[in-house]
Protein backbone atom coordinates (compact mmCIF):
# COMPACT_ATOMS: atom_id res chain seq x y z
CA MET A 1 5.40 30.94 -53.75
CA LYS A 2 9.34 29.85 -53.47
CA ASN A 3 9.71 29.42 -49.98
CA LEU A 4 6.59 28.53 -48.17
CA LYS A 5 7.84 27.45 -44.50
CA ALA A 6 9.64 31.33 -44.32
CA ALA A 7 5.99 32.68 -44.84
CA ALA A 8 4.26 31.75 -42.63
CA LYS A 9 6.92 32.17 -40.46
CA ASP A 10 6.31 35.53 -41.87
CA LEU A 11 2.91 35.38 -41.56
CA ARG A 12 2.46 34.02 -37.96
CA ALA A 13 4.82 36.27 -36.92
CA ARG A 14 1.79 38.85 -38.17
CA GLY A 15 -1.10 37.61 -35.77
CA TRP A 16 -2.30 35.03 -38.47
CA LYS A 17 -3.60 32.01 -37.13
CA PRO A 18 -2.21 28.91 -38.73
CA GLU A 19 -5.04 26.18 -38.80
CA GLY A 20 -3.39 22.47 -38.81
CA ARG A 21 -0.10 21.72 -40.24
CA SER A 22 1.35 22.74 -43.53
CA VAL A 23 -0.84 19.92 -46.16
CA GLU A 24 -0.36 18.15 -49.47
CA ILE A 25 -1.80 19.04 -52.59
CA PRO A 26 -0.90 18.37 -55.96
CA PRO A 27 1.16 21.43 -57.20
CA GLY A 28 3.49 21.23 -53.44
CA PRO A 29 2.61 21.71 -49.73
CA CYS A 30 0.00 23.79 -48.50
CA TYR A 31 -1.02 26.41 -45.36
CA VAL A 32 -4.75 27.98 -44.48
CA PHE A 33 -4.44 30.27 -42.30
CA LYS A 34 -6.96 32.13 -40.67
CA ASP A 35 -5.84 36.32 -40.74
CA PRO A 36 -6.62 38.69 -37.08
CA SER A 37 -10.00 39.49 -37.98
CA GLY A 38 -10.57 35.98 -38.68
CA ASN A 39 -10.86 35.35 -42.46
CA PRO A 40 -8.68 32.60 -44.13
CA LEU A 41 -6.16 32.31 -46.81
CA GLY A 42 -4.44 29.62 -48.54
CA ILE A 43 -0.81 29.70 -49.26
CA PHE A 44 1.48 27.17 -51.93
CA GLU A 45 4.32 26.22 -52.48
CA ASN A 46 4.33 24.99 -56.60
CA ALA A 47 6.90 22.22 -56.22
CA ARG A 48 5.18 21.09 -59.15
CA PRO A 49 5.02 23.34 -61.74
CA GLY A 50 2.57 22.03 -64.27
CA LEU A 51 1.37 18.65 -63.25
CA VAL A 52 -2.30 19.85 -62.82
CA ASP A 53 -2.01 20.80 -66.64
CA GLN A 54 0.13 17.22 -67.26
CA ALA A 55 -2.77 15.56 -65.18
CA PHE A 56 -5.71 17.00 -66.53
CA GLY A 57 -5.23 17.75 -70.82
CA GLY A 58 -3.48 21.30 -70.38
CA SER A 59 -6.24 24.45 -70.35
CA ASP A 60 -8.73 22.54 -72.81
CA ARG A 61 -10.10 21.13 -70.10
CA ARG A 62 -12.99 19.67 -72.90
CA GLY A 63 -9.77 16.92 -73.99
CA ALA A 64 -9.43 18.59 -77.72
CA LYS A 65 -5.80 18.61 -78.97
CA GLY A 66 -4.02 21.71 -80.69
């Protein structure tokens, strides 16, 4: 998502409970919420697109080229 802070603010306004502060994951900052029924949801801002593919050799995890 493009604006994680705005999305987190909107979820809180709708009764979702944050599970602490944001944390960093490889693609970018992440929040974990629970909805009013207690179901978890993680949201993150893709601040570093392509990082995971670059680090792990793309979608082919066996390392084959081309």
